[in-house]
Protein backbone atom coordinates (compact mmCIF):
# COMPACT_ATOMS: atom_id res chain seq x y z
CA MET A 1 -27.09 54.46 7.88
CA LEU A 2 -25.99 53.44 11.45
CA LYS A 3 -29.18 51.86 12.52
CA ILE A 4 -29.60 49.77 9.60
CA THR A 5 -25.93 48.60 10.03
CA THR A 6 -26.54 47.60 13.84
CA VAL A 7 -30.18 45.76 12.55
CA ILE A 8 -27.84 44.06 9.92
CA ALA A 9 -25.18 43.12 12.73
CA VAL A 10 -27.82 41.87 15.14
CA VAL A 11 -29.21 39.56 12.45
CA PHE A 12 -26.25 37.86 11.41
CA SER A 13 -25.18 37.40 14.89
CA PHE A 14 -28.36 35.02 15.44
CA VAL A 15 -27.59 33.45 12.67
CA ALA A 16 -23.91 33.11 13.43
CA CYS A 17 -25.31 31.50 16.63
CA GLU A 18 -27.18 28.93 14.96
CA ASP A 19 -24.79 28.02 12.56
CA ASP A 20 -22.53 27.63 15.90
CA PHE A 21 -25.10 25.25 17.36
CA GLU A 22 -25.52 23.06 13.86
CA THR A 23 -21.50 22.88 13.84
CA VAL A 24 -20.34 18.96 14.48
CA GLY A 25 -18.18 19.49 17.45
CA GLY A 26 -19.41 22.80 18.81
CA ASN A 27 -19.01 24.36 22.24
CA VAL A 28 -22.43 23.73 23.12
CA ILE A 29 -22.17 20.87 25.78
CA GLY A 30 -24.26 21.27 28.23
CA GLY A 31 -25.77 24.31 30.08
CA PRO A 32 -28.87 25.60 31.66
CA ASN A 33 -30.80 25.01 28.84
CA PHE A 34 -28.93 21.62 27.30
CA ASN A 35 -28.64 18.30 28.12
CA ALA A 36 -25.03 16.35 27.35
CA ASP A 37 -25.30 12.55 27.25
CA VAL A 38 -23.58 9.42 25.11
CA TYR A 39 -25.73 7.00 23.36
CA ASP A 40 -23.88 4.02 23.13
CA GLU A 41 -26.34 1.16 22.53
CA ALA A 42 -26.38 1.25 18.73
CA MET A 43 -26.90 -1.63 16.79
CA ILE A 44 -23.94 -2.65 14.73
CA SER A 45 -23.13 -5.95 12.45
CA ALA A 46 -19.69 -6.59 11.52
CA THR A 47 -18.57 -9.40 9.33
CA ASN A 48 -15.23 -10.96 8.62
CA ASN A 49 -14.92 -10.92 4.71
CA ASP A 50 -12.08 -13.19 3.13
CA LEU A 51 -10.96 -11.30 -0.34
CA ALA A 52 -10.63 -13.16 -3.80
CA PRO A 53 -7.79 -11.99 -5.67
CA VAL A 54 -6.95 -8.30 -5.71
CA GLN A 55 -5.96 -6.41 -8.59
CA THR A 56 -2.29 -5.49 -8.22
CA ASN A 57 -1.16 -4.09 -11.42
CA ASN A 58 -1.85 -0.39 -9.88
CA LEU A 59 0.33 -0.55 -6.87
CA PRO A 60 2.52 2.14 -6.31
CA VAL A 61 4.50 -0.06 -4.39
CA ASN A 62 5.07 -3.93 -4.53
CA LEU A 63 5.44 -6.56 -1.77
CA LEU A 64 8.57 -9.34 -2.55
CA GLY A 65 9.15 -12.09 -0.10
CA VAL A 66 8.01 -14.36 2.55
CA TYR A 67 5.79 -13.72 5.80
CA ASN A 68 4.43 -16.02 7.82
CA ASP A 69 2.78 -15.31 11.26
CA PRO A 70 0.80 -17.62 14.11
CA VAL A 71 -2.46 -16.37 12.82
CA PHE A 72 -2.95 -15.69 9.33
CA GLY A 73 -0.21 -18.57 7.96
CA SER A 74 2.18 -17.51 4.72
CA GLN A 75 1.95 -15.08 2.31
CA VAL A 76 4.54 -15.09 -0.50
CA ALA A 77 4.81 -12.03 -2.74
CA SER A 78 6.65 -12.10 -6.07
CA ILE A 79 6.77 -9.48 -8.78
CA LEU A 80 6.64 -9.37 -12.86
CA THR A 81 7.53 -6.26 -14.42
CA GLN A 82 8.21 -5.42 -17.85
CA VAL A 83 11.61 -4.08 -18.72
CA SER A 84 12.06 -0.50 -20.79
CA LEU A 85 14.84 0.76 -22.70
CA SER A 86 16.13 4.01 -21.04
CA ALA A 87 17.09 5.37 -24.79
CA ILE A 88 15.60 3.52 -28.15
CA ASN A 89 18.04 2.74 -30.65
CA PRO A 90 20.86 2.59 -28.07
CA ASP A 91 24.43 3.29 -29.63
CA PHE A 92 26.74 0.82 -27.50
CA GLY A 93 30.29 1.93 -28.87
CA ASP A 94 32.96 0.14 -30.88
CA GLN A 95 33.52 -3.32 -29.81
CA PRO A 96 31.13 -3.41 -26.77
CA VAL A 97 31.87 -6.21 -24.00
CA LEU A 98 29.55 -6.66 -21.27
CA ASP A 99 31.25 -6.85 -17.84
CA SER A 100 28.30 -7.28 -15.46
CA VAL A 101 24.79 -6.47 -14.97
CA VAL A 102 23.20 -5.15 -11.76
CA LEU A 103 19.83 -5.34 -10.85
CA ASN A 104 19.26 -2.41 -8.55
CA ILE A 105 16.15 -1.91 -6.45
CA PRO A 106 16.24 0.63 -3.61
CA TYR A 107 15.04 0.01 0.07
CA PHE A 108 12.90 2.41 1.89
CA SER A 109 15.20 3.74 4.69
CA THR A 110 15.88 6.25 7.11
CA GLN A 111 19.49 7.85 7.72
CA ILE A 112 20.65 7.75 11.14
CA GLU A 113 23.57 8.75 13.04
CA ASN A 114 27.20 8.01 11.55
CA ASP A 115 29.30 5.24 12.68
CA ALA A 116 32.81 5.49 14.56
CA ASP A 117 34.57 5.94 11.20
CA GLY A 118 32.13 8.50 9.98
CA ASN A 119 30.19 5.88 7.51
CA PRO A 120 26.68 6.42 7.45
CA GLN A 121 23.95 4.42 8.95
CA TYR A 122 20.76 3.30 8.08
CA LYS A 123 17.35 2.03 9.31
CA LEU A 124 15.51 -0.02 7.16
CA ASP A 125 11.55 0.59 6.89
CA SER A 126 8.75 -1.71 5.68
CA ILE A 127 11.10 -5.05 6.43
CA TYR A 128 8.94 -7.81 7.71
CA GLY A 129 11.30 -10.69 9.41
CA ASN A 130 15.00 -11.28 9.06
CA ASP A 131 15.22 -14.83 7.66
CA PRO A 132 16.76 -15.87 4.58
CA ILE A 133 14.75 -16.50 1.64
CA LYS A 134 14.86 -17.47 -2.01
CA ILE A 135 14.99 -15.27 -4.95
CA SER A 136 15.45 -16.01 -8.58
CA VAL A 137 14.73 -13.83 -11.30
CA LEU A 138 13.77 -15.19 -14.46
CA GLU A 139 12.68 -14.40 -18.03
CA THR A 140 9.15 -14.87 -18.86
CA ASN A 141 7.22 -14.32 -22.00
CA PHE A 142 4.20 -13.42 -20.62
CA PHE A 143 2.96 -9.99 -22.63
CA MET A 144 1.72 -7.52 -20.36
CA ASN A 145 -1.31 -5.70 -22.15
CA GLN A 146 -2.22 -1.92 -21.43
CA PHE A 147 -5.53 -2.40 -22.63
CA ASP A 148 -8.20 -5.19 -22.00
CA PRO A 149 -8.92 -7.12 -25.23
CA GLU A 150 -12.16 -8.46 -23.72
CA THR A 151 -13.60 -5.05 -23.78
CA ASN A 152 -12.51 -3.87 -27.50
CA PHE A 153 -9.24 -2.61 -25.74
CA GLU A 154 -11.61 0.60 -24.28
CA GLN A 155 -10.77 -0.14 -20.70
CA ALA A 156 -7.71 -0.61 -18.93
CA GLN A 157 -6.31 -4.05 -18.08
CA LYS A 158 -6.50 -5.44 -14.56
CA TYR A 159 -4.04 -8.03 -13.50
CA TYR A 160 -4.62 -10.04 -10.19
CA SER A 161 -2.73 -11.65 -7.39
CA ASP A 162 -3.59 -15.21 -8.96
CA LEU A 163 -1.40 -14.59 -11.99
CA GLU A 164 1.58 -16.88 -10.84
CA GLY A 165 0.27 -19.96 -12.27
CA GLN A 166 -0.21 -18.32 -15.99
CA ILE A 167 3.33 -16.64 -15.55
CA GLU A 168 4.80 -19.80 -14.70
CA ASN A 169 3.52 -21.15 -18.15
CA ASN A 170 5.25 -18.60 -19.83
CA LEU A 171 8.69 -18.98 -18.15
CA THR A 172 11.46 -19.01 -20.81
CA GLY A 173 13.79 -21.41 -19.19
CA LYS A 174 16.45 -18.48 -18.65
CA VAL A 175 17.69 -17.91 -14.95
CA LEU A 176 18.86 -14.72 -14.63
CA PHE A 177 19.85 -15.07 -11.08
CA ALA A 178 19.29 -17.27 -8.14
CA THR A 179 20.00 -17.50 -4.45
CA GLU A 180 18.84 -19.21 -1.53
CA SER A 181 20.22 -17.24 1.40
CA PHE A 182 18.74 -13.66 0.57
CA ARG A 183 18.44 -11.32 3.46
CA PRO A 184 18.03 -7.40 3.02
CA SER A 185 21.20 -5.41 3.89
CA ASP A 186 20.90 -2.08 6.03
CA GLU A 187 24.54 -1.25 4.60
CA GLU A 188 25.42 1.32 2.57
CA VAL A 189 26.10 0.59 -1.21
CA ILE A 190 29.20 1.88 -2.90
CA GLU A 191 29.29 2.17 -6.80
CA TYR A 192 31.99 3.31 -9.07
CA THR A 193 31.43 4.82 -12.41
CA GLU A 194 33.58 6.01 -15.24
CA THR A 195 33.91 9.15 -13.19
CA ASP A 196 33.63 9.18 -9.95
CA THR A 197 32.41 6.90 -6.50
CA LEU A 198 28.90 7.03 -5.89
CA GLN A 199 27.23 6.10 -2.31
CA HIS A 200 23.77 5.05 -1.87
CA ALA A 201 21.23 4.06 0.77
CA PRO A 202 20.74 0.47 1.12
CA ARG A 203 19.29 -1.29 -1.78
CA MET A 204 18.55 -4.80 -3.32
CA LYS A 205 21.69 -5.06 -5.16
CA LEU A 206 21.57 -8.57 -7.63
CA LYS A 207 24.12 -9.79 -10.19
CA LEU A 208 22.61 -10.74 -13.39
CA ASN A 209 23.51 -13.16 -16.02
CA SER A 210 25.82 -11.35 -18.28
CA GLU A 211 25.64 -13.72 -21.14
CA PHE A 212 22.07 -13.44 -21.34
CA PHE A 213 22.29 -9.57 -21.53
CA GLN A 214 25.12 -9.48 -23.99
CA SER A 215 23.20 -11.56 -26.39
CA LYS A 216 19.91 -9.96 -25.75
CA ILE A 217 20.72 -6.47 -25.64
CA ILE A 218 24.16 -5.61 -26.79
CA ASP A 219 24.46 -7.64 -29.36
CA LYS A 220 21.12 -6.47 -30.81
CA GLU A 221 22.57 -3.24 -31.52
CA GLY A 222 20.73 -1.43 -34.44
CA SER A 223 18.02 -4.10 -34.82
CA SER A 224 14.76 -3.68 -34.92
CA GLU A 225 14.10 -4.82 -31.54
CA LEU A 226 15.87 -2.03 -30.22
CA SER A 227 14.20 0.61 -32.58
CA SER A 228 11.16 1.70 -30.75
CA MET A 229 9.56 0.95 -26.92
CA ALA A 230 6.89 -1.25 -28.85
CA ASN A 231 9.03 -3.55 -30.59
CA PHE A 232 11.34 -3.91 -27.58
CA ARG A 233 8.71 -4.38 -24.69
CA ASN A 234 7.32 -7.32 -27.33
CA TYR A 235 10.96 -8.72 -27.87
CA PHE A 236 11.87 -8.88 -23.79
CA ARG A 237 8.54 -9.24 -22.85
CA SER A 238 9.10 -9.26 -18.88
CA ILE A 239 10.81 -10.78 -16.05
CA TYR A 240 9.76 -12.58 -12.72
CA LEU A 241 11.41 -11.94 -9.21
CA LYS A 242 10.29 -15.08 -7.90
CA ALA A 243 10.27 -15.75 -3.72
CA GLU A 244 10.06 -18.66 -2.17
CA ALA A 245 10.63 -19.94 1.60
CA VAL A 246 13.51 -21.99 2.67
CA GLY A 247 12.39 -22.08 6.10
CA GLN A 248 9.59 -22.03 8.23
CA ASP A 249 9.71 -18.00 8.41
CA GLY A 250 11.35 -15.42 5.84
CA THR A 251 11.22 -12.27 5.10
CA MET A 252 9.06 -10.21 3.32
CA MET A 253 9.99 -6.06 1.63
CA SER A 254 7.85 -3.14 0.30
CA LEU A 255 9.81 -1.93 -3.02
CA ASN A 256 9.68 0.68 -4.98
CA LEU A 257 10.09 -0.49 -8.66
CA ALA A 258 9.50 3.12 -10.10
CA HIS A 259 12.40 4.66 -7.98
CA ALA A 260 14.45 6.57 -10.42
CA ASP A 261 17.36 4.32 -9.10
CA ALA A 262 15.68 1.21 -9.81
CA GLY A 263 16.51 -1.03 -12.81
CA ILE A 264 18.93 -3.09 -14.65
CA THR A 265 22.57 -1.37 -15.52
CA LEU A 266 24.34 -3.03 -18.04
CA TYR A 267 28.16 -2.18 -16.92
CA TYR A 268 30.69 -2.89 -20.19
CA THR A 269 33.86 -1.59 -22.15
CA VAL A 270 34.47 -0.39 -25.63
CA GLN A 271 37.23 0.49 -27.65
CA VAL A 272 38.04 4.28 -27.88
CA VAL A 273 41.18 6.51 -29.55
CA ASP A 274 43.29 7.36 -26.78
CA THR A 275 43.80 10.66 -27.61
CA GLY A 276 44.63 11.88 -24.07
CA ASP A 277 47.32 9.10 -23.85
CA SER A 278 45.83 7.55 -20.87
CA ASP A 279 48.47 4.96 -20.39
CA ASP A 280 51.52 7.82 -20.79
CA ASP A 281 52.96 5.69 -23.64
CA GLY A 282 52.97 9.06 -25.84
CA ASP A 283 50.71 6.85 -28.44
CA ILE A 284 47.36 9.25 -28.85
CA GLU A 285 46.07 6.92 -31.95
CA GLU A 286 46.07 4.07 -30.41
CA MET A 287 42.80 1.91 -29.16
CA VAL A 288 42.12 1.57 -25.51
CA SER A 289 39.14 0.34 -23.43
CA ALA A 290 36.79 2.45 -21.86
CA PRO A 291 34.03 1.85 -19.30
CA ARG A 292 30.20 2.18 -20.16
CA SER A 293 27.01 1.97 -18.98
CA PHE A 294 23.40 1.45 -19.99
CA LYS A 295 20.14 1.59 -17.92
CA LEU A 296 17.07 -0.55 -18.65
CA ASN A 297 14.01 0.35 -16.38
CA LEU A 298 11.64 -1.64 -14.76
CA GLY A 299 7.92 -1.51 -15.64
CA PRO A 300 5.82 0.51 -16.44
CA ALA A 301 3.27 -2.24 -15.88
CA ARG A 302 3.91 -4.48 -12.85
CA VAL A 303 2.36 -6.97 -11.08
CA ASN A 304 2.19 -8.47 -7.55
CA THR A 305 1.48 -12.30 -7.48
CA PHE A 306 0.01 -13.64 -3.65
CA GLN A 307 0.36 -16.99 -2.50
CA GLN A 308 -1.61 -16.66 0.85
CA GLU A 309 -3.03 -18.93 3.40
CA THR A 310 -6.98 -18.51 4.36
CA PRO A 311 -7.45 -20.31 7.35
CA ALA A 312 -10.77 -20.80 8.85
CA PHE A 313 -11.78 -18.26 11.68
CA PRO A 314 -15.30 -19.56 13.10
CA ASP A 315 -15.09 -17.46 16.08
CA ALA A 316 -17.74 -14.70 14.87
CA SER A 317 -16.87 -12.20 18.63
CA ASN A 318 -13.55 -11.92 16.88
CA LEU A 319 -12.70 -9.43 13.64
CA TYR A 320 -9.77 -10.59 11.56
CA LEU A 321 -7.79 -7.88 9.59
CA LYS A 322 -4.95 -8.99 7.30
CA GLY A 323 -3.36 -6.93 4.42
CA GLY A 324 -2.41 -8.29 0.35
CA GLU A 325 -5.30 -10.96 -0.54
CA GLY A 326 -5.90 -11.15 2.65
CA SER A 327 -8.89 -10.23 5.09
CA MET A 328 -11.51 -7.38 6.04
CA VAL A 329 -14.12 -6.37 7.78
CA ILE A 330 -17.58 -5.25 6.74
CA ILE A 331 -20.05 -3.06 9.42
CA ASP A 332 -23.30 -2.23 9.47
CA LEU A 333 -24.36 0.48 11.66
CA PHE A 334 -28.04 0.80 12.53
CA ASN A 335 -28.92 -2.46 11.39
CA GLY A 336 -31.83 -3.49 13.87
CA ILE A 337 -35.51 -4.22 13.40
CA ASP A 338 -36.96 -2.39 10.51
CA SER A 339 -40.73 -2.95 11.34
CA ASP A 340 -42.18 -0.70 8.84
CA SER A 341 -39.97 -2.60 5.83
CA ASP A 342 -38.82 0.81 4.56
CA GLY A 343 -35.58 0.24 4.30
CA ILE A 344 -34.46 2.08 7.33
CA SER A 345 -34.39 0.34 10.98
CA ASP A 346 -36.85 1.70 14.20
CA GLU A 347 -33.73 2.69 16.06
CA LEU A 348 -32.30 4.92 13.04
CA GLU A 349 -35.79 6.61 12.57
CA TYR A 350 -35.72 7.00 16.41
CA LEU A 351 -32.41 8.61 16.54
CA ARG A 352 -33.53 10.76 13.14
CA GLY A 353 -36.24 12.32 15.65
CA ASN A 354 -34.40 13.58 18.29
CA ASP A 355 -32.50 16.33 16.61
CA TRP A 356 -29.24 15.84 18.72
CA LEU A 357 -26.39 18.14 17.98
CA ILE A 358 -23.62 15.76 17.49
CA ASN A 359 -20.53 16.53 19.54
CA GLU A 360 -18.44 13.36 18.82
CA ALA A 361 -19.05 9.88 17.45
CA ASN A 362 -16.30 7.50 17.41
CA LEU A 363 -16.07 3.75 16.96
CA GLU A 364 -12.92 2.28 19.63
CA PHE A 365 -11.61 -1.18 18.28
CA PHE A 366 -9.97 -3.14 20.96
CA VAL A 367 -6.98 -5.54 19.96
CA ASN A 368 -7.48 -8.96 21.29
CA LYS A 369 -4.13 -9.53 22.72
CA SER A 370 -4.05 -13.46 23.30
CA ALA A 371 -4.44 -13.95 19.88
CA VAL A 372 -2.17 -11.76 17.98
CA SER A 373 0.85 -12.98 19.58
CA GLY A 374 3.94 -12.89 17.42
CA VAL A 375 1.79 -10.46 14.51
CA ASN A 376 2.88 -7.43 12.95
CA GLU A 377 0.27 -5.10 13.89
CA PRO A 378 -0.96 -2.47 11.63
CA GLU A 379 -0.02 1.06 12.83
CA ARG A 380 -3.31 2.41 11.34
CA LEU A 381 -6.70 1.00 10.06
CA TYR A 382 -8.70 2.66 7.25
CA LEU A 383 -12.78 3.22 7.75
CA TYR A 384 -14.31 4.07 4.41
CA ASP A 385 -17.34 3.90 2.47
CA LEU A 386 -17.34 0.42 1.04
CA THR A 387 -21.04 0.94 -1.30
CA ASN A 388 -19.43 4.04 -2.36
CA ASN A 389 -15.98 2.93 -2.63
CA ARG A 390 -14.54 6.11 -1.05
CA PHE A 391 -13.46 7.68 2.02
CA LEU A 392 -15.98 9.42 5.03
CA ALA A 393 -16.33 12.59 5.34
CA ASP A 394 -14.27 12.96 8.49
CA TYR A 395 -11.76 12.11 6.39
CA VAL A 396 -11.44 15.36 4.23
CA LEU A 397 -12.12 17.77 7.88
CA ASP A 398 -8.80 16.05 9.33
CA THR A 399 -5.22 17.56 8.85
CA PRO A 400 -4.29 17.94 5.59
CA GLY A 401 -3.08 14.74 4.27
CA GLN A 402 0.90 14.98 3.87
CA ALA A 403 2.74 13.17 0.94
CA ASN A 404 2.16 9.74 0.15
CA ALA A 405 5.10 8.82 1.89
CA MET A 406 5.43 5.07 3.77
CA THR A 407 5.66 6.83 7.48
CA SER A 408 3.07 9.41 7.11
CA VAL A 409 1.37 10.42 10.18
CA SER A 410 -1.54 12.29 8.73
CA ASN A 411 -5.34 12.00 9.63
CA ASN A 412 -4.75 11.18 13.49
CA ASN A 413 -8.02 12.61 14.37
CA HIS A 414 -10.16 10.63 12.38
CA LEU A 415 -8.22 7.23 11.45
CA GLY A 416 -6.36 7.13 15.15
CA PRO A 417 -3.10 5.33 15.49
CA LEU A 418 -2.28 2.31 17.11
CA LYS A 419 -2.55 2.82 21.12
CA THR A 420 0.26 0.84 22.59
CA ASP A 421 0.81 -0.49 26.62
CA GLU A 422 4.19 -0.19 28.12
CA ASN A 423 5.26 -3.41 26.27
CA GLY A 424 4.55 -1.98 23.08
CA GLU A 425 1.78 -4.25 22.45
CA GLY A 426 -1.50 -2.86 20.75
CA VAL A 427 -4.51 -1.75 22.92
CA SER A 428 -6.90 -0.21 20.52
CA TYR A 429 -7.54 2.24 17.57
CA LYS A 430 -10.11 4.72 17.93
CA ILE A 431 -11.84 6.06 14.55
CA LYS A 432 -13.72 9.01 14.71
CA LEU A 433 -16.62 9.44 12.39
CA THR A 434 -18.72 12.59 13.86
CA ARG A 435 -19.34 14.14 10.53
CA HIS A 436 -20.74 11.09 9.24
CA ILE A 437 -22.75 10.08 11.90
CA ASP A 438 -24.17 13.82 11.75
CA ASN A 439 -24.86 13.29 8.27
CA ILE A 440 -26.87 10.05 9.01
CA LEU A 441 -28.94 10.89 11.60
CA ASN A 442 -29.53 15.25 11.05
CA LYS A 443 -29.06 15.14 7.12
CA ASP A 444 -30.59 11.95 5.89
CA SER A 445 -27.67 11.11 4.20
CA THR A 446 -27.55 7.04 3.44
CA ASN A 447 -26.61 4.66 6.29
CA VAL A 448 -24.08 3.17 3.67
CA ARG A 449 -22.18 -0.20 4.96
CA LEU A 450 -18.37 0.20 5.98
CA GLY A 451 -15.56 -1.58 5.08
CA LEU A 452 -12.35 -1.99 7.63
CA VAL A 453 -8.70 -2.81 6.43
CA VAL A 454 -5.31 -3.02 7.78
CA ALA A 455 -3.81 0.64 5.99
CA GLU A 456 0.01 0.85 5.00
CA ASN A 457 -0.27 4.63 4.62
CA VAL A 458 -3.75 6.46 5.11
CA ASN A 459 -3.05 8.93 2.88
CA LEU A 460 -3.53 6.29 -0.26
CA VAL A 461 -7.39 6.56 -0.95
CA SER A 462 -7.27 4.77 -4.44
CA SER A 463 -8.66 1.44 -5.00
CA SER A 464 -7.86 -1.86 -6.50
CA ALA A 465 -10.47 -4.26 -7.94
CA VAL A 466 -11.29 -7.34 -6.23
CA LYS A 467 -11.41 -10.26 -8.75
CA GLN A 468 -15.68 -11.33 -9.45
CA THR A 469 -16.61 -14.97 -8.33
CA GLU A 470 -19.53 -16.22 -7.31
CA THR A 471 -18.71 -15.87 -3.39
CA ALA A 472 -17.27 -12.54 -3.63
CA ASP A 473 -19.16 -9.60 -1.34
CA VAL A 474 -16.59 -7.08 -2.27
CA LYS A 475 -15.48 -5.01 -5.29
CA LYS A 476 -12.93 -3.01 -4.87
CA ILE A 477 -10.51 -3.03 -1.98
CA PRO A 478 -8.34 0.08 -0.68
CA THR A 479 -5.05 0.14 -2.18
CA THR A 480 -3.26 0.59 0.98
CA SER A 481 -4.34 -2.44 2.29
CA VAL A 482 -3.04 -4.49 -0.68
CA ILE A 483 0.53 -3.16 -0.42
CA THR A 484 1.34 -4.71 3.26
CA PRO A 485 1.17 -7.76 4.84
CA GLU A 486 0.26 -6.71 8.66
CA ALA A 487 -2.62 -8.14 10.37
CA THR A 488 -4.77 -8.05 13.55
CA VAL A 489 -7.19 -9.29 15.07
CA LEU A 490 -9.75 -6.97 17.40
CA TYR A 491 -12.79 -7.84 19.44
CA GLY A 492 -16.24 -7.26 17.41
CA PRO A 493 -19.83 -6.47 18.43
CA ALA A 494 -20.43 -9.81 19.99
CA ALA A 495 -17.61 -10.07 22.30
CA GLN A 496 -18.29 -11.41 25.82
CA ASP A 497 -16.01 -8.51 27.42
CA ASP A 498 -18.25 -5.67 27.63
CA GLN A 499 -15.45 -3.19 28.58
CA LYS A 500 -13.70 -4.39 25.15
CA ARG A 501 -16.88 -5.05 22.78
CA LEU A 502 -17.13 -2.85 19.54
CA LYS A 503 -19.61 0.01 19.91
CA LEU A 504 -20.64 3.29 18.45
CA LYS A 505 -20.14 5.88 21.06
CA ILE A 506 -22.28 8.94 19.93
CA TYR A 507 -21.54 12.07 22.17
CA TYR A 508 -24.69 14.93 22.06
CA THR A 509 -26.01 17.74 23.23
CA GLU A 510 -29.88 18.39 23.26
CA SER A 511 -32.28 21.17 24.48
CA LYS A 512 -34.15 20.52 27.32
């Protein structure tokens, strides 16, 4: 038994050594019988692609506001949303009279130190700019389908970012709110309820037209319109949060309309019997006013509309990335001459014959600083398999992703964050695709096209459809790119500066 055990142990040790040698990023870098080197002459094609309208009714968050940068121009984002009852057949009580109606949508924020008086202070996240904009809240007759009637209601309905014209044609003329001086505030919000005083993190708080909601909601108590959710959504179809510019610049906000605190709250009073003698007059049978509230939720269906400039970028040596209905880059690796017309370039066939151990492979994108002055640069870029609309193999080998928070910092190894200089200006992004390149060279995996986009959150790997037109080259775009207005300009593979030119670097070990 001892001899057998020894033999088995030796066999397994050889197998383990072989597996270690084949492991991507293994420790065999160099040695007496091995050469370690780098290959950085791979043929690369990187093409700018201006996106057609993108699907926006499947977004986890929505953009609202006006954003302007010197490279990509103006972007205006508005939101169409359904309104839903928090309870069907609501009982508003005896003689309800509406006092006020408030639209609340929390901002993304982080609590920081308290002020000198002990009051909490907040820092807003995902806010771009600080100049005033015009915000209007309008009623529409636009009905949002859950399923697409053109597919016999068998597929989910897709709504795209170019929907504004149809929405405008379905406005009822009822203006629920309007201001031309809106700016998001980082101040704490105090709410007084029937029984308590509540402190809330910063939020958009708009006081809506009370007369409209008195007749639209309160006066409809007991009606068929409020008897079911389907009836209500057909009765009160949607509202449009419309943003407009009032100056050259503006403010863009990322908002979560599905947040538990988001919605429209109706504050009203009813008449109740004063059994507790609240006014101390000794009469416990009289009728007195009592405060009440009722909430309308936003959604579930929501659509972002974008008005976005699409400037021409004739300089092929630069790569232009922009969120929203913006710009992405399509990358082809090993796309040189294919002399035998078998669909595989001569370069790739040569590399596959080398039997290299791939220690690391990366693409480093250098920021063209002279072109991005005044632009909010993204912290992260997202490189993905454009052919199959999915993340690369390296994505799942990185540190397990965190929850889908707007400030997520996971996947730092694969999708390296923006490196900055001493002035805080962007220098470069390094994206490691070691496993992806190893699969192509050593596992005969398909050399798929790659897509590069700006990313609000690299944990968000779902896709949004791109409206198909005669010139559309892309069918889907990562949703993480749709929900940010950020942008950048990078040096491409044709850049004159060799030190900043986009290159694929493959660090490998081979046997002597």
